[in-house]
Amino acid sequence: MRDLPGDARKWGSVGFTRGSKFATGFSPLAPKSLESIIDVERAKGASSEELSALWNEYHIGRGHIGMVMKSELYHLLVHRTSSCLYFVIPVLRGEGYTSMFVQAKMPHMIFTGLEDYKARGTQAAPYFTVTYYKEFAESKGLVLIRGDIVFTSKLSDEEATWLLEATQSFYLNDSRYKLVEQFNRETSEFEFKDVLRTLEMPSG
């Protein structure tokens, strides 16, 4: 599914603007409190390793995505998303791929289909929302990550997991981040095939 315009100069036509308020009014941005997910008092007595294991174990088979991140990486993620809010990530599907539009508005990330965003702009519904919980960032050096798939018909658990990991890699890896900067700051120079090449996906 080649749903991305090949000519980088066409980015303006897909509704991409630096001032986009893509997240405004999204009810999924009213996340669950950490207390409603785990026993925070009990977690305070756990080691970093135990907390990480408990968090990941809790999310297995529950239709949600659970990850952990070192605090220093989270701080880097916040810094980089503050100036580069948007990106596009392809997700393999069959013989091709479908592209997801990402907005990072920390401590949240929102993903929706690029085609939906092109068609509906700020009214596009999110497929997948992510919340970063910082309650243990200082005491245990960990940030807990929770992903919620809004439309399971649009995205599987495996696809959502891969999508989040890939997105984080583009923000945290210095080489990959150059593409994120280009997408946000030098849109006319951005080539989606460079993202495909980086992820070792077929571009033809």
Protein backbone atom coordinates (compact mmCIF):
# COMPACT_ATOMS: atom_id res chain seq x y z
CA MET A 1 0.00 0.00 0.00
CA ARG A 2 1.99 2.90 -1.30
CA ASP A 3 0.06 5.61 0.50
CA LEU A 4 2.78 8.24 0.68
CA PRO A 5 3.41 10.81 -2.05
CA GLY A 6 6.79 10.18 -3.61
CA ASP A 7 7.51 13.85 -4.25
CA ALA A 8 8.64 15.49 -1.02
CA ARG A 9 7.35 18.84 -2.30
CA LYS A 10 3.80 17.54 -1.94
CA TRP A 11 3.99 17.40 1.85
CA GLY A 12 1.98 20.60 2.14
CA SER A 13 -0.92 18.88 0.41
CA VAL A 14 -1.19 16.17 3.05
CA GLY A 15 -2.00 18.70 5.72
CA PHE A 16 1.39 18.75 7.37
CA THR A 17 2.12 22.05 9.07
CA ARG A 18 4.41 22.85 11.95
CA GLY A 19 1.57 24.61 13.73
CA SER A 20 -0.80 21.66 13.54
CA LYS A 21 -2.94 21.11 16.62
CA PHE A 22 -3.40 17.44 15.82
CA ALA A 23 -3.81 16.47 19.47
CA THR A 24 -6.32 19.13 20.44
CA GLY A 25 -9.49 17.70 21.88
CA PHE A 26 -8.47 14.06 21.72
CA SER A 27 -10.22 12.22 24.53
CA PRO A 28 -7.59 9.44 24.54
CA LEU A 29 -5.23 12.10 25.89
CA ALA A 30 -7.01 11.79 29.22
CA PRO A 31 -4.84 8.83 30.24
CA LYS A 32 -5.33 6.46 33.12
CA SER A 33 -3.47 7.42 36.25
CA LEU A 34 -0.60 5.15 37.16
CA GLU A 35 -2.46 4.27 40.40
CA SER A 36 -5.31 2.83 38.34
CA ILE A 37 -2.91 0.48 36.54
CA ILE A 38 -0.54 -0.78 39.24
CA ASP A 39 -0.18 -0.68 43.02
CA VAL A 40 2.15 2.32 43.24
CA GLU A 41 2.89 1.86 46.95
CA ARG A 42 3.95 -1.73 46.38
CA ALA A 43 6.00 -0.67 43.36
CA LYS A 44 7.91 1.81 45.51
CA GLY A 45 9.43 -1.10 47.41
CA ALA A 46 10.53 -2.93 44.27
CA SER A 47 13.96 -2.69 42.70
CA SER A 48 14.31 -1.19 39.23
CA GLU A 49 14.62 -4.69 37.78
CA GLU A 50 11.56 -5.94 39.67
CA LEU A 51 9.50 -2.92 38.65
CA SER A 52 10.44 -3.38 35.00
CA ALA A 53 9.52 -7.07 35.13
CA LEU A 54 6.20 -6.37 36.91
CA TRP A 55 5.22 -3.67 34.43
CA ASN A 56 5.99 -5.80 31.39
CA GLU A 57 4.30 -8.86 32.89
CA TYR A 58 1.17 -6.88 33.71
CA HIS A 59 0.66 -5.93 30.06
CA ILE A 60 1.14 -9.39 28.56
CA GLY A 61 -2.07 -10.53 26.88
CA ARG A 62 -4.08 -7.52 28.00
CA GLY A 63 -4.44 -5.79 24.63
CA HIS A 64 -2.14 -3.00 25.74
CA ILE A 65 1.54 -2.34 25.18
CA GLY A 66 3.94 -2.06 28.11
CA MET A 67 7.57 -0.94 27.94
CA VAL A 68 10.15 0.75 30.14
CA MET A 69 12.79 3.35 29.32
CA LYS A 70 15.84 4.63 31.15
CA SER A 71 15.26 8.12 32.52
CA GLU A 72 18.17 9.63 30.61
CA LEU A 73 16.74 8.37 27.33
CA TYR A 74 13.35 9.80 28.22
CA HIS A 75 14.94 13.20 28.86
CA LEU A 76 16.56 13.03 25.43
CA LEU A 77 13.22 12.03 23.90
CA VAL A 78 11.49 15.01 25.52
CA HIS A 79 14.20 17.36 24.31
CA ARG A 80 14.06 16.15 20.74
CA THR A 81 10.28 15.93 20.44
CA SER A 82 9.90 19.47 21.76
CA SER A 83 11.31 20.84 18.52
CA CYS A 84 10.32 18.00 16.17
CA LEU A 85 6.76 17.03 16.96
CA TYR A 86 5.89 15.05 13.85
CA PHE A 87 7.08 12.10 11.84
CA VAL A 88 5.89 9.30 9.55
CA ILE A 89 6.61 5.61 10.10
CA PRO A 90 5.79 2.77 7.68
CA VAL A 91 4.40 -0.48 9.08
CA LEU A 92 4.87 -3.65 7.04
CA ARG A 93 1.61 -5.15 5.89
CA GLY A 94 1.48 -7.97 3.37
CA GLU A 95 3.73 -7.25 0.42
CA GLY A 96 3.79 -3.53 1.14
CA TYR A 97 3.30 -1.18 4.02
CA THR A 98 0.91 1.36 5.47
CA SER A 99 2.18 4.66 6.79
CA MET A 100 1.42 6.12 10.22
CA PHE A 101 1.51 9.79 11.11
CA VAL A 102 3.03 10.49 14.53
CA GLN A 103 2.60 13.45 16.83
CA ALA A 104 4.71 13.64 19.98
CA LYS A 105 3.28 15.90 22.64
CA MET A 106 5.09 14.59 25.68
CA PRO A 107 4.30 12.77 27.86
CA HIS A 108 2.11 11.45 25.05
CA MET A 109 2.49 10.17 21.52
CA ILE A 110 -0.41 9.80 19.14
CA PHE A 111 -0.46 7.68 15.97
CA THR A 112 -3.02 7.69 13.19
CA GLY A 113 -3.08 6.48 9.61
CA LEU A 114 -1.47 8.94 7.22
CA GLU A 115 -4.37 8.52 4.82
CA ASP A 116 -6.83 9.43 7.58
CA TYR A 117 -4.74 12.44 8.52
CA LYS A 118 -4.55 13.57 4.90
CA ALA A 119 -8.34 13.24 4.60
CA ARG A 120 -9.43 14.63 7.97
CA GLY A 121 -6.53 16.67 9.30
CA THR A 122 -6.96 17.58 12.96
CA GLN A 123 -10.23 15.63 13.04
CA ALA A 124 -8.50 12.34 12.29
CA ALA A 125 -9.07 9.77 15.01
CA PRO A 126 -6.00 8.25 16.70
CA TYR A 127 -5.32 4.57 16.12
CA PHE A 128 -2.84 4.24 18.98
CA THR A 129 -1.97 6.45 21.96
CA VAL A 130 1.05 6.24 24.23
CA THR A 131 1.61 7.67 27.72
CA TYR A 132 4.94 7.96 29.56
CA TYR A 133 4.72 7.74 33.36
CA LYS A 134 7.53 9.58 35.15
CA GLU A 135 6.68 8.71 38.76
CA PHE A 136 9.77 6.49 39.15
CA ALA A 137 12.13 8.45 36.92
CA GLU A 138 14.19 9.78 39.81
CA SER A 139 13.86 7.04 42.42
CA LYS A 140 14.44 4.08 40.09
CA GLY A 141 15.79 5.64 36.93
CA LEU A 142 12.87 4.28 34.89
CA VAL A 143 9.99 5.73 32.91
CA LEU A 144 7.03 3.39 32.44
CA ILE A 145 5.43 3.39 28.99
CA ARG A 146 1.85 2.39 28.29
CA GLY A 147 0.35 2.07 24.82
CA ASP A 148 -3.38 1.77 24.14
CA ILE A 149 -4.68 0.62 20.78
CA VAL A 150 -7.81 2.64 20.06
CA PHE A 151 -8.81 0.72 16.91
CA THR A 152 -7.77 -2.93 17.05
CA SER A 153 -9.11 -3.30 13.50
CA LYS A 154 -6.48 -0.81 12.32
CA LEU A 155 -3.44 -1.99 14.28
CA SER A 156 -2.47 -5.27 15.94
CA ASP A 157 -0.56 -5.53 19.22
CA GLU A 158 2.54 -6.64 17.31
CA GLU A 159 2.30 -3.75 14.86
CA ALA A 160 1.75 -1.24 17.66
CA THR A 161 4.77 -2.55 19.56
CA TRP A 162 6.96 -2.35 16.47
CA LEU A 163 5.60 1.11 15.63
CA LEU A 164 6.46 2.52 19.06
CA GLU A 165 9.92 0.96 19.10
CA ALA A 166 10.67 2.24 15.60
CA THR A 167 9.43 5.74 16.41
CA GLN A 168 11.54 5.93 19.55
CA SER A 169 14.57 4.73 17.60
CA PHE A 170 14.22 7.61 15.14
CA TYR A 171 14.16 10.13 17.97
CA LEU A 172 16.91 8.54 20.09
CA ASN A 173 19.40 7.43 17.45
CA ASP A 174 21.54 10.37 16.29
CA SER A 175 21.72 9.21 12.69
CA ARG A 176 18.01 8.44 12.39
CA TYR A 177 17.06 11.67 14.14
CA LYS A 178 18.48 13.63 11.21
CA LEU A 179 15.52 12.39 9.15
CA VAL A 180 13.11 13.56 11.84
CA GLU A 181 14.74 16.99 11.82
CA GLN A 182 14.53 17.11 8.06
CA PHE A 183 10.84 16.18 8.11
CA ASN A 184 10.06 18.96 10.58
CA ARG A 185 12.47 21.70 9.51
CA GLU A 186 13.40 21.08 5.88
CA THR A 187 10.23 19.46 4.59
CA SER A 188 11.01 20.05 0.92
CA GLU A 189 14.24 18.08 1.31
CA PHE A 190 12.63 15.12 3.07
CA GLU A 191 12.56 11.82 1.16
CA PHE A 192 10.38 9.04 2.54
CA LYS A 193 12.51 6.47 0.74
CA ASP A 194 15.27 7.32 3.22
CA VAL A 195 13.01 6.12 6.05
CA LEU A 196 12.27 2.92 4.13
CA ARG A 197 15.97 2.38 3.48
CA THR A 198 16.79 2.92 7.16
CA LEU A 199 14.19 0.33 8.17
CA GLU A 200 15.33 -2.00 5.38
CA MET A 201 11.90 -1.98 3.76
CA PRO A 202 11.29 -2.27 0.00
CA SER A 203 10.74 1.10 -1.66
CA GLY A 204 9.81 -0.10 -5.10
